[in-house]
Amino acid sequence: MTHHTTAMAEVRPATAAPPPGAGSGTPPATARTRRTLSRRVRAFGRGALPVAAFLLVLVGGWQMVAVRSGSVLIPDVPAVWSALTDIVTQPLFYDSLGATLLRVGLGFALAFVTAVVVGIAMGRVEFVRRFFEPAVLIGLTVPGLVWALLCVIWFGVSLTNPVVAVALSAAPALTLSIYQGTRATDSALREMAHVYRFSVWTSLRYLWLPSLLPALFSGARLGLSLAWKVIVLVEMFGMSSGVGYELNNQFAAQNVAGVLSWTLLFAAVLAVLEYGVLQSLERRLGRWRKATAV
């Protein structure tokens, strides 16, 4: 009888160990979700806290200067805030911002395509590098104000005016960044593309664009900052709409709070493009770099 009982115990299936978190009453999926959410909140706090501290110092410093000066030329924070809310609640703001964004987008797209083609060619062919090097140097040294004035004279009040001015101001910096990134590309990868006879499109898609991502994004940031400066000048001198045109109107009326409000809104749009578009794209397109580094 004892032998039979022992045999029955041997064939009895072993009791499975409880899954993690079963004893605590919390499903594993819920625990993982909470941990992920907690990590994201901490990461957001680490990124948002310095920005909030900078804005607090900036606003507090401006308020101190405005109160101590007591001048109408330095409006305090409530006056600027009141002017800013008035602008945002008017349809004119969205019409002006839309017109400016369209001009910047078209001009930057033209500069980006040109810079990719010329920059890669400069990094690959010595004759092309020597041919375009003076043009890049001249483009980097000519002030944006000069491009704005010339395009106003050449093209008048038309869409071509701001598009060409933005392209001329942004393309040289973009081209230089892409050229330097091309020169820094791993020579083994270039040899592999040559041995396997990659087509131009295959090389561009699977070799050059992935390896040039850091150069592309750094050049895009610099090009966009230059484009914003030039588009304001173009709209001030030769356009009848846009953020620059409204800034000129506020300046003519000696409305300092209005000038500051349009400037802050312009900076807010640029911050949204940087943190919401460029950084998100950079993280998304650069995931393979993180994976290979682990």
C-alpha atoms as a PDB file:
ATOM      1  CA  MET A   1       0.000   0.000   0.000  1.00  0.00           C
ATOM      2  CA  THR A   2       2.859   2.312   0.844  1.00  0.00           C
ATOM      3  CA  HIS A   3       4.595   1.454  -2.434  1.00  0.00           C
ATOM      4  CA  HIS A   4       1.386   2.228  -4.383  1.00  0.00           C
ATOM      5  CA  THR A   5       0.950   5.581  -2.659  1.00  0.00           C
ATOM      6  CA  THR A   6       4.548   6.522  -3.433  1.00  0.00           C
ATOM      7  CA  ALA A   7       4.116   5.641  -7.099  1.00  0.00           C
ATOM      8  CA  MET A   8       0.959   7.726  -7.296  1.00  0.00           C
ATOM      9  CA  ALA A   9       2.854  10.660  -5.794  1.00  0.00           C
ATOM     10  CA  GLU A  10       5.623  10.292  -8.370  1.00  0.00           C
ATOM     11  CA  VAL A  11       3.271  10.456 -11.363  1.00  0.00           C
ATOM     12  CA  ARG A  12       1.273  13.381  -9.935  1.00  0.00           C
ATOM     13  CA  PRO A  13       2.074  16.529 -11.982  1.00  0.00           C
ATOM     14  CA  ALA A  14       4.086  19.114 -10.161  1.00  0.00           C
ATOM     15  CA  THR A  15       2.282  22.247  -9.111  1.00  0.00           C
ATOM     16  CA  ALA A  16       3.269  25.187 -11.332  1.00  0.00           C
ATOM     17  CA  ALA A  17       4.920  28.114  -9.649  1.00  0.00           C
ATOM     18  CA  PRO A  18       2.671  31.166  -9.337  1.00  0.00           C
ATOM     19  CA  PRO A  19       3.346  33.840 -11.931  1.00  0.00           C
ATOM     20  CA  PRO A  20       5.084  37.026 -10.823  1.00  0.00           C
ATOM     21  CA  GLY A  21       2.728  39.397  -9.121  1.00  0.00           C
ATOM     22  CA  ALA A  22       0.047  36.726  -8.537  1.00  0.00           C
ATOM     23  CA  GLY A  23       0.443  36.862  -4.773  1.00  0.00           C
ATOM     24  CA  SER A  24       0.152  40.613  -4.640  1.00  0.00           C
ATOM     25  CA  GLY A  25      -3.217  40.699  -6.395  1.00  0.00           C
ATOM     26  CA  THR A  26      -1.916  42.900  -9.266  1.00  0.00           C
ATOM     27  CA  PRO A  27      -1.911  41.452 -12.808  1.00  0.00           C
ATOM     28  CA  PRO A  28       1.568  41.432 -14.390  1.00  0.00           C
ATOM     29  CA  ALA A  29       0.399  43.497 -17.360  1.00  0.00           C
ATOM     30  CA  THR A  30      -0.941  46.199 -15.051  1.00  0.00           C
ATOM     31  CA  ALA A  31       2.300  46.261 -13.091  1.00  0.00           C
ATOM     32  CA  ARG A  32       4.340  46.634 -16.273  1.00  0.00           C
ATOM     33  CA  THR A  33       2.051  49.443 -17.462  1.00  0.00           C
ATOM     34  CA  ARG A  34       2.487  51.257 -14.169  1.00  0.00           C
ATOM     35  CA  ARG A  35       6.260  50.886 -14.291  1.00  0.00           C
ATOM     36  CA  THR A  36       6.345  52.164 -17.887  1.00  0.00           C
ATOM     37  CA  LEU A  37       4.120  55.111 -16.994  1.00  0.00           C
ATOM     38  CA  SER A  38       6.284  55.896 -13.982  1.00  0.00           C
ATOM     39  CA  ARG A  39       9.440  55.896 -16.116  1.00  0.00           C
ATOM     40  CA  ARG A  40       7.827  58.202 -18.667  1.00  0.00           C
ATOM     41  CA  VAL A  41       6.664  60.618 -15.966  1.00  0.00           C
ATOM     42  CA  ARG A  42      10.165  60.740 -14.479  1.00  0.00           C
ATOM     43  CA  ALA A  43      11.703  61.276 -17.925  1.00  0.00           C
ATOM     44  CA  PHE A  44       9.213  64.056 -18.663  1.00  0.00           C
ATOM     45  CA  GLY A  45      10.010  65.663 -15.327  1.00  0.00           C
ATOM     46  CA  ARG A  46      13.734  65.586 -16.006  1.00  0.00           C
ATOM     47  CA  GLY A  47      13.193  67.213 -19.405  1.00  0.00           C
ATOM     48  CA  ALA A  48      10.503  69.729 -18.416  1.00  0.00           C
ATOM     49  CA  LEU A  49      11.978  70.936 -15.124  1.00  0.00           C
ATOM     50  CA  PRO A  50      14.980  72.802 -16.639  1.00  0.00           C
ATOM     51  CA  VAL A  51      12.734  74.395 -19.276  1.00  0.00           C
ATOM     52  CA  ALA A  52      10.240  75.509 -16.633  1.00  0.00           C
ATOM     53  CA  ALA A  53      13.062  76.889 -14.487  1.00  0.00           C
ATOM     54  CA  PHE A  54      14.447  78.876 -17.440  1.00  0.00           C
ATOM     55  CA  LEU A  55      11.031  80.335 -18.276  1.00  0.00           C
ATOM     56  CA  LEU A  56      10.464  81.252 -14.643  1.00  0.00           C
ATOM     57  CA  VAL A  57      13.802  83.064 -14.455  1.00  0.00           C
ATOM     58  CA  LEU A  58      13.133  84.815 -17.775  1.00  0.00           C
ATOM     59  CA  VAL A  59       9.646  86.020 -16.810  1.00  0.00           C
ATOM     60  CA  GLY A  60      10.724  87.015 -13.303  1.00  0.00           C
ATOM     61  CA  GLY A  61      13.760  88.910 -14.589  1.00  0.00           C
ATOM     62  CA  TRP A  62      11.691  90.777 -17.172  1.00  0.00           C
ATOM     63  CA  GLN A  63       9.098  91.729 -14.562  1.00  0.00           C
ATOM     64  CA  MET A  64      11.813  93.089 -12.262  1.00  0.00           C
ATOM     65  CA  VAL A  65      13.327  95.172 -15.064  1.00  0.00           C
ATOM     66  CA  ALA A  66       9.895  96.495 -16.107  1.00  0.00           C
ATOM     67  CA  VAL A  67       8.947  97.490 -12.550  1.00  0.00           C
ATOM     68  CA  ARG A  68      12.284  99.162 -11.797  1.00  0.00           C
ATOM     69  CA  SER A  69      12.383 101.090 -15.087  1.00  0.00           C
ATOM     70  CA  GLY A  70       8.794 102.318 -14.969  1.00  0.00           C
ATOM     71  CA  SER A  71       8.931 103.024 -18.713  1.00  0.00           C
ATOM     72  CA  VAL A  72       6.166 102.455 -21.250  1.00  0.00           C
ATOM     73  CA  LEU A  73       8.855 101.104 -23.594  1.00  0.00           C
ATOM     74  CA  ILE A  74       9.352  98.115 -21.262  1.00  0.00           C
ATOM     75  CA  PRO A  75       5.851  96.731 -20.570  1.00  0.00           C
ATOM     76  CA  ASP A  76       5.404  94.437 -17.599  1.00  0.00           C
ATOM     77  CA  VAL A  77       4.377  90.791 -17.819  1.00  0.00           C
ATOM     78  CA  PRO A  78       0.576  91.380 -17.391  1.00  0.00           C
ATOM     79  CA  ALA A  79       0.607  93.894 -20.266  1.00  0.00           C
ATOM     80  CA  VAL A  80       2.466  91.517 -22.548  1.00  0.00           C
ATOM     81  CA  TRP A  81       0.176  88.652 -21.556  1.00  0.00           C
ATOM     82  CA  SER A  82      -2.910  90.747 -22.275  1.00  0.00           C
ATOM     83  CA  ALA A  83      -1.613  91.669 -25.740  1.00  0.00           C
ATOM     84  CA  LEU A  84      -0.673  88.039 -26.418  1.00  0.00           C
ATOM     85  CA  THR A  85      -4.149  86.722 -25.537  1.00  0.00           C
ATOM     86  CA  ASP A  86      -5.759  89.412 -27.699  1.00  0.00           C
ATOM     87  CA  ILE A  87      -3.644  88.326 -30.688  1.00  0.00           C
ATOM     88  CA  VAL A  88      -4.324  84.606 -30.211  1.00  0.00           C
ATOM     89  CA  THR A  89      -8.098  85.128 -30.038  1.00  0.00           C
ATOM     90  CA  GLN A  90      -8.169  86.903 -33.411  1.00  0.00           C
ATOM     91  CA  PRO A  91      -8.455  85.016 -36.726  1.00  0.00           C
ATOM     92  CA  LEU A  92      -5.738  87.304 -38.113  1.00  0.00           C
ATOM     93  CA  PHE A  93      -3.118  85.451 -36.083  1.00  0.00           C
ATOM     94  CA  TYR A  94      -3.896  82.083 -37.647  1.00  0.00           C
ATOM     95  CA  ASP A  95      -4.057  83.540 -41.169  1.00  0.00           C
ATOM     96  CA  SER A  96      -0.682  85.252 -40.711  1.00  0.00           C
ATOM     97  CA  LEU A  97       0.913  82.205 -39.127  1.00  0.00           C
ATOM     98  CA  GLY A  98      -0.407  79.934 -41.872  1.00  0.00           C
ATOM     99  CA  ALA A  99       1.003  82.190 -44.597  1.00  0.00           C
ATOM    100  CA  THR A 100       4.410  82.318 -42.900  1.00  0.00           C
ATOM    101  CA  LEU A 101       4.537  78.551 -42.320  1.00  0.00           C
ATOM    102  CA  LEU A 102       3.673  77.898 -45.968  1.00  0.00           C
ATOM    103  CA  ARG A 103       6.490  80.145 -47.195  1.00  0.00           C
ATOM    104  CA  VAL A 104       9.020  78.691 -44.770  1.00  0.00           C
ATOM    105  CA  GLY A 105       7.973  75.129 -45.595  1.00  0.00           C
ATOM    106  CA  LEU A 106       8.306  75.584 -49.359  1.00  0.00           C
ATOM    107  CA  GLY A 107      11.619  77.417 -49.089  1.00  0.00           C
ATOM    108  CA  PHE A 108      13.079  74.917 -46.636  1.00  0.00           C
ATOM    109  CA  ALA A 109      11.960  71.953 -48.759  1.00  0.00           C
ATOM    110  CA  LEU A 110      13.714  73.463 -51.781  1.00  0.00           C
ATOM    111  CA  ALA A 111      16.855  74.083 -49.728  1.00  0.00           C
ATOM    112  CA  PHE A 112      16.769  70.573 -48.234  1.00  0.00           C
ATOM    113  CA  VAL A 113      16.509  68.748 -51.564  1.00  0.00           C
ATOM    114  CA  THR A 114      19.242  70.901 -53.086  1.00  0.00           C
ATOM    115  CA  ALA A 115      21.521  70.457 -50.078  1.00  0.00           C
ATOM    116  CA  VAL A 116      21.145  66.658 -50.027  1.00  0.00           C
ATOM    117  CA  VAL A 117      22.078  66.330 -53.701  1.00  0.00           C
ATOM    118  CA  VAL A 118      24.919  68.862 -53.644  1.00  0.00           C
ATOM    119  CA  GLY A 119      26.254  67.845 -50.216  1.00  0.00           C
ATOM    120  CA  ILE A 120      26.532  64.144 -51.051  1.00  0.00           C
ATOM    121  CA  ALA A 121      28.071  64.950 -54.446  1.00  0.00           C
ATOM    122  CA  MET A 122      30.628  67.240 -52.777  1.00  0.00           C
ATOM    123  CA  GLY A 123      31.573  64.491 -50.358  1.00  0.00           C
ATOM    124  CA  ARG A 124      31.980  61.913 -53.146  1.00  0.00           C
ATOM    125  CA  VAL A 125      33.517  63.814 -56.083  1.00  0.00           C
ATOM    126  CA  GLU A 126      36.507  66.120 -55.701  1.00  0.00           C
ATOM    127  CA  PHE A 127      35.648  68.238 -58.750  1.00  0.00           C
ATOM    128  CA  VAL A 128      32.113  68.845 -57.452  1.00  0.00           C
ATOM    129  CA  ARG A 129      33.496  69.839 -54.054  1.00  0.00           C
ATOM    130  CA  ARG A 130      35.858  72.397 -55.551  1.00  0.00           C
ATOM    131  CA  PHE A 131      33.119  73.682 -57.868  1.00  0.00           C
ATOM    132  CA  PHE A 132      30.503  74.311 -55.141  1.00  0.00           C
ATOM    133  CA  GLU A 133      32.853  75.285 -52.308  1.00  0.00           C
ATOM    134  CA  PRO A 134      32.939  79.011 -53.245  1.00  0.00           C
ATOM    135  CA  ALA A 135      29.155  79.087 -53.541  1.00  0.00           C
ATOM    136  CA  VAL A 136      28.740  77.568 -50.066  1.00  0.00           C
ATOM    137  CA  LEU A 137      31.268  80.016 -48.622  1.00  0.00           C
ATOM    138  CA  ILE A 138      29.523  83.010 -50.198  1.00  0.00           C
ATOM    139  CA  GLY A 139      26.137  81.743 -49.020  1.00  0.00           C
ATOM    140  CA  LEU A 140      27.386  81.417 -45.448  1.00  0.00           C
ATOM    141  CA  THR A 141      28.853  84.922 -45.356  1.00  0.00           C
ATOM    142  CA  VAL A 142      26.042  86.893 -47.039  1.00  0.00           C
ATOM    143  CA  PRO A 143      23.623  88.229 -44.371  1.00  0.00           C
ATOM    144  CA  GLY A 144      20.004  87.191 -44.529  1.00  0.00           C
ATOM    145  CA  LEU A 145      19.006  90.845 -44.847  1.00  0.00           C
ATOM    146  CA  VAL A 146      20.783  91.010 -48.215  1.00  0.00           C
ATOM    147  CA  TRP A 147      18.897  87.957 -49.535  1.00  0.00           C
ATOM    148  CA  ALA A 148      15.629  89.473 -48.323  1.00  0.00           C
ATOM    149  CA  LEU A 149      16.259  92.808 -50.048  1.00  0.00           C
ATOM    150  CA  LEU A 150      17.445  91.226 -53.298  1.00  0.00           C
ATOM    151  CA  CYS A 151      14.469  88.874 -53.519  1.00  0.00           C
ATOM    152  CA  VAL A 152      12.063  91.739 -52.853  1.00  0.00           C
ATOM    153  CA  ILE A 153      13.678  93.673 -55.721  1.00  0.00           C
ATOM    154  CA  TRP A 154      13.802  90.691 -58.083  1.00  0.00           C
ATOM    155  CA  PHE A 155      10.441  89.008 -57.457  1.00  0.00           C
ATOM    156  CA  GLY A 156       8.249  91.681 -55.844  1.00  0.00           C
ATOM    157  CA  VAL A 157       5.164  90.749 -53.829  1.00  0.00           C
ATOM    158  CA  SER A 158       4.796  87.115 -54.844  1.00  0.00           C
ATOM    159  CA  LEU A 159       5.238  83.656 -53.347  1.00  0.00           C
ATOM    160  CA  THR A 160       8.534  83.259 -55.203  1.00  0.00           C
ATOM    161  CA  ASN A 161      10.069  86.067 -53.151  1.00  0.00           C
ATOM    162  CA  PRO A 162      10.019  84.426 -49.683  1.00  0.00           C
ATOM    163  CA  VAL A 163      10.559  80.892 -51.008  1.00  0.00           C
ATOM    164  CA  VAL A 164      13.779  81.810 -52.831  1.00  0.00           C
ATOM    165  CA  ALA A 165      15.011  83.980 -49.952  1.00  0.00           C
ATOM    166  CA  VAL A 166      14.500  81.159 -47.441  1.00  0.00           C
ATOM    167  CA  ALA A 167      16.159  78.620 -49.751  1.00  0.00           C
ATOM    168  CA  LEU A 168      19.177  80.854 -50.364  1.00  0.00           C
ATOM    169  CA  SER A 169      19.695  81.465 -46.654  1.00  0.00           C
ATOM    170  CA  ALA A 170      19.184  77.878 -45.451  1.00  0.00           C
ATOM    171  CA  ALA A 171      20.833  75.860 -48.249  1.00  0.00           C
ATOM    172  CA  PRO A 172      24.520  76.731 -47.557  1.00  0.00           C
ATOM    173  CA  ALA A 173      24.446  75.620 -43.895  1.00  0.00           C
ATOM    174  CA  LEU A 174      22.517  72.478 -44.807  1.00  0.00           C
ATOM    175  CA  THR A 175      24.928  71.655 -47.635  1.00  0.00           C
ATOM    176  CA  LEU A 176      27.982  72.072 -45.413  1.00  0.00           C
ATOM    177  CA  SER A 177      26.494  69.826 -42.712  1.00  0.00           C
ATOM    178  CA  ILE A 178      25.604  67.083 -45.218  1.00  0.00           C
ATOM    179  CA  TYR A 179      29.025  67.332 -46.889  1.00  0.00           C
ATOM    180  CA  GLN A 180      30.772  66.836 -43.544  1.00  0.00           C
ATOM    181  CA  GLY A 181      28.479  63.914 -42.724  1.00  0.00           C
ATOM    182  CA  THR A 182      29.236  62.319 -46.091  1.00  0.00           C
ATOM    183  CA  ARG A 183      32.964  62.583 -45.496  1.00  0.00           C
ATOM    184  CA  ALA A 184      32.511  60.943 -42.083  1.00  0.00           C
ATOM    185  CA  THR A 185      30.565  57.943 -43.445  1.00  0.00           C
ATOM    186  CA  ASP A 186      32.259  54.579 -42.853  1.00  0.00           C
ATOM    187  CA  SER A 187      34.494  53.726 -45.805  1.00  0.00           C
ATOM    188  CA  ALA A 188      33.680  50.004 -45.431  1.00  0.00           C
ATOM    189  CA  LEU A 189      30.019  50.746 -46.128  1.00  0.00           C
ATOM    190  CA  ARG A 190      30.926  52.745 -49.207  1.00  0.00           C
ATOM    191  CA  GLU A 191      33.115  49.898 -50.466  1.00  0.00           C
ATOM    192  CA  MET A 192      30.300  47.414 -49.894  1.00  0.00           C
ATOM    193  CA  ALA A 193      27.907  49.548 -51.934  1.00  0.00           C
ATOM    194  CA  HIS A 194      30.495  49.713 -54.724  1.00  0.00           C
ATOM    195  CA  VAL A 195      31.199  45.965 -54.694  1.00  0.00           C
ATOM    196  CA  TYR A 196      27.528  44.996 -54.799  1.00  0.00           C
ATOM    197  CA  ARG A 197      26.846  47.675 -57.432  1.00  0.00           C
ATOM    198  CA  PHE A 198      24.043  49.434 -55.596  1.00  0.00           C
ATOM    199  CA  SER A 199      21.930  51.694 -57.745  1.00  0.00           C
ATOM    200  CA  VAL A 200      21.774  55.404 -56.975  1.00  0.00           C
ATOM    201  CA  TRP A 201      18.383  55.061 -55.303  1.00  0.00           C
ATOM    202  CA  THR A 202      19.425  51.992 -53.270  1.00  0.00           C
ATOM    203  CA  SER A 203      22.604  53.694 -52.084  1.00  0.00           C
ATOM    204  CA  LEU A 204      20.679  56.835 -51.171  1.00  0.00           C
ATOM    205  CA  ARG A 205      17.975  54.942 -49.286  1.00  0.00           C
ATOM    206  CA  TYR A 206      19.988  52.280 -47.461  1.00  0.00           C
ATOM    207  CA  LEU A 207      23.439  53.861 -47.122  1.00  0.00           C
ATOM    208  CA  TRP A 208      23.584  57.628 -47.340  1.00  0.00           C
ATOM    209  CA  LEU A 209      20.350  58.760 -45.713  1.00  0.00           C
ATOM    210  CA  PRO A 210      20.636  56.444 -42.646  1.00  0.00           C
ATOM    211  CA  SER A 211      24.303  57.291 -42.101  1.00  0.00           C
ATOM    212  CA  LEU A 212      23.633  61.004 -42.595  1.00  0.00           C
ATOM    213  CA  LEU A 213      20.790  61.253 -40.073  1.00  0.00           C
ATOM    214  CA  PRO A 214      22.796  63.207 -37.425  1.00  0.00           C
ATOM    215  CA  ALA A 215      24.093  65.610 -40.070  1.00  0.00           C
ATOM    216  CA  LEU A 216      20.638  65.996 -41.599  1.00  0.00           C
ATOM    217  CA  PHE A 217      18.979  66.893 -38.302  1.00  0.00           C
ATOM    218  CA  SER A 218      21.734  69.224 -37.125  1.00  0.00           C
ATOM    219  CA  GLY A 219      21.658  70.962 -40.504  1.00  0.00           C
ATOM    220  CA  ALA A 220      17.860  71.107 -40.429  1.00  0.00           C
ATOM    221  CA  ARG A 221      17.906  72.861 -37.050  1.00  0.00           C
ATOM    222  CA  LEU A 222      20.425  75.419 -38.246  1.00  0.00           C
ATOM    223  CA  GLY A 223      18.619  75.898 -41.562  1.00  0.00           C
ATOM    224  CA  LEU A 224      15.237  76.384 -39.889  1.00  0.00           C
ATOM    225  CA  SER A 225      16.639  78.993 -37.501  1.00  0.00           C
ATOM    226  CA  LEU A 226      18.061  80.921 -40.461  1.00  0.00           C
ATOM    227  CA  ALA A 227      14.820  80.512 -42.406  1.00  0.00           C
ATOM    228  CA  TRP A 228      12.752  82.016 -39.575  1.00  0.00           C
ATOM    229  CA  LYS A 229      15.004  85.064 -39.417  1.00  0.00           C
ATOM    230  CA  VAL A 230      14.920  85.660 -43.172  1.00  0.00           C
ATOM    231  CA  ILE A 231      11.181  85.154 -43.590  1.00  0.00           C
ATOM    232  CA  VAL A 232      10.486  87.896 -41.035  1.00  0.00           C
ATOM    233  CA  LEU A 233      12.701  90.311 -42.956  1.00  0.00           C
ATOM    234  CA  VAL A 234      11.094  89.411 -46.284  1.00  0.00           C
ATOM    235  CA  GLU A 235       7.588  89.878 -44.902  1.00  0.00           C
ATOM    236  CA  MET A 236       8.532  93.174 -43.290  1.00  0.00           C
ATOM    237  CA  PHE A 237       9.966  94.651 -46.488  1.00  0.00           C
ATOM    238  CA  GLY A 238       8.034  93.094 -49.334  1.00  0.00           C
ATOM    239  CA  MET A 239       4.885  91.228 -48.263  1.00  0.00           C
ATOM    240  CA  SER A 240       1.391  92.248 -47.230  1.00  0.00           C
ATOM    241  CA  SER A 241       0.712  89.315 -44.892  1.00  0.00           C
ATOM    242  CA  GLY A 242       2.505  87.040 -42.458  1.00  0.00           C
ATOM    243  CA  VAL A 243       4.063  87.325 -39.029  1.00  0.00           C
ATOM    244  CA  GLY A 244       6.786  89.715 -40.223  1.00  0.00           C
ATOM    245  CA  TYR A 245       4.182  92.033 -41.721  1.00  0.00           C
ATOM    246  CA  GLU A 246       2.274  92.122 -38.421  1.00  0.00           C
ATOM    247  CA  LEU A 247       5.496  92.776 -36.513  1.00  0.00           C
ATOM    248  CA  ASN A 248       6.135  95.751 -38.777  1.00  0.00           C
ATOM    249  CA  ASN A 249       2.636  97.065 -38.092  1.00  0.00           C
ATOM    250  CA  GLN A 250       3.170  96.832 -34.328  1.00  0.00           C
ATOM    251  CA  PHE A 251       6.513  98.592 -34.701  1.00  0.00           C
ATOM    252  CA  ALA A 252       4.919 101.404 -36.722  1.00  0.00           C
ATOM    253  CA  ALA A 253       2.327 101.851 -33.969  1.00  0.00           C
ATOM    254  CA  GLN A 254       5.088 101.888 -31.293  1.00  0.00           C
ATOM    255  CA  ASN A 255       3.302  99.022 -29.549  1.00  0.00           C
ATOM    256  CA  VAL A 256       6.137  97.294 -27.685  1.00  0.00           C
ATOM    257  CA  ALA A 257       3.796  94.784 -26.028  1.00  0.00           C
ATOM    258  CA  GLY A 258       2.477  93.808 -29.459  1.00  0.00           C
ATOM    259  CA  VAL A 259       5.994  93.363 -30.852  1.00  0.00           C
ATOM    260  CA  LEU A 260       6.953  91.176 -27.896  1.00  0.00           C
ATOM    261  CA  SER A 261       3.745  89.148 -28.181  1.00  0.00           C
ATOM    262  CA  TRP A 262       4.244  88.333 -31.870  1.00  0.00           C
ATOM    263  CA  THR A 263       7.877  87.487 -31.156  1.00  0.00           C
ATOM    264  CA  LEU A 264       6.937  85.126 -28.316  1.00  0.00           C
ATOM    265  CA  LEU A 265       4.306  83.409 -30.449  1.00  0.00           C
ATOM    266  CA  PHE A 266       6.833  83.022 -33.242  1.00  0.00           C
ATOM    267  CA  ALA A 267       9.308  81.480 -30.786  1.00  0.00           C
ATOM    268  CA  ALA A 268       6.598  79.149 -29.464  1.00  0.00           C
ATOM    269  CA  VAL A 269       5.938  77.825 -32.971  1.00  0.00           C
ATOM    270  CA  LEU A 270       9.661  77.187 -33.444  1.00  0.00           C
ATOM    271  CA  ALA A 271       9.775  75.355 -30.095  1.00  0.00           C
ATOM    272  CA  VAL A 272       6.854  73.144 -31.164  1.00  0.00           C
ATOM    273  CA  LEU A 273       8.687  72.298 -34.398  1.00  0.00           C
ATOM    274  CA  GLU A 274      11.877  71.478 -32.494  1.00  0.00           C
ATOM    275  CA  TYR A 275      10.456  69.437 -29.608  1.00  0.00           C
ATOM    276  CA  GLY A 276       7.347  68.064 -31.281  1.00  0.00           C
ATOM    277  CA  VAL A 277       8.568  67.355 -34.825  1.00  0.00           C
ATOM    278  CA  LEU A 278      12.347  67.279 -35.195  1.00  0.00           C
ATOM    279  CA  GLN A 279      13.172  65.483 -31.943  1.00  0.00           C
ATOM    280  CA  SER A 280      10.343  62.978 -32.421  1.00  0.00           C
ATOM    281  CA  LEU A 281      11.503  62.206 -35.956  1.00  0.00           C
ATOM    282  CA  GLU A 282      15.110  61.930 -34.809  1.00  0.00           C
ATOM    283  CA  ARG A 283      14.186  59.415 -32.092  1.00  0.00           C
ATOM    284  CA  ARG A 284      11.962  57.431 -34.430  1.00  0.00           C
ATOM    285  CA  LEU A 285      14.379  57.273 -37.354  1.00  0.00           C
ATOM    286  CA  GLY A 286      17.394  56.686 -35.105  1.00  0.00           C
ATOM    287  CA  ARG A 287      16.043  53.650 -33.253  1.00  0.00           C
ATOM    288  CA  TRP A 288      18.298  51.284 -35.202  1.00  0.00           C
ATOM    289  CA  ARG A 289      21.346  53.129 -33.878  1.00  0.00           C
ATOM    290  CA  LYS A 290      20.255  52.534 -30.297  1.00  0.00           C
ATOM    291  CA  ALA A 291      19.509  48.879 -31.013  1.00  0.00           C
ATOM    292  CA  THR A 292      22.973  48.220 -32.468  1.00  0.00           C
ATOM    293  CA  ALA A 293      24.657  50.029 -29.577  1.00  0.00           C
ATOM    294  CA  VAL A 294      23.147  47.705 -26.945  1.00  0.00           C
END
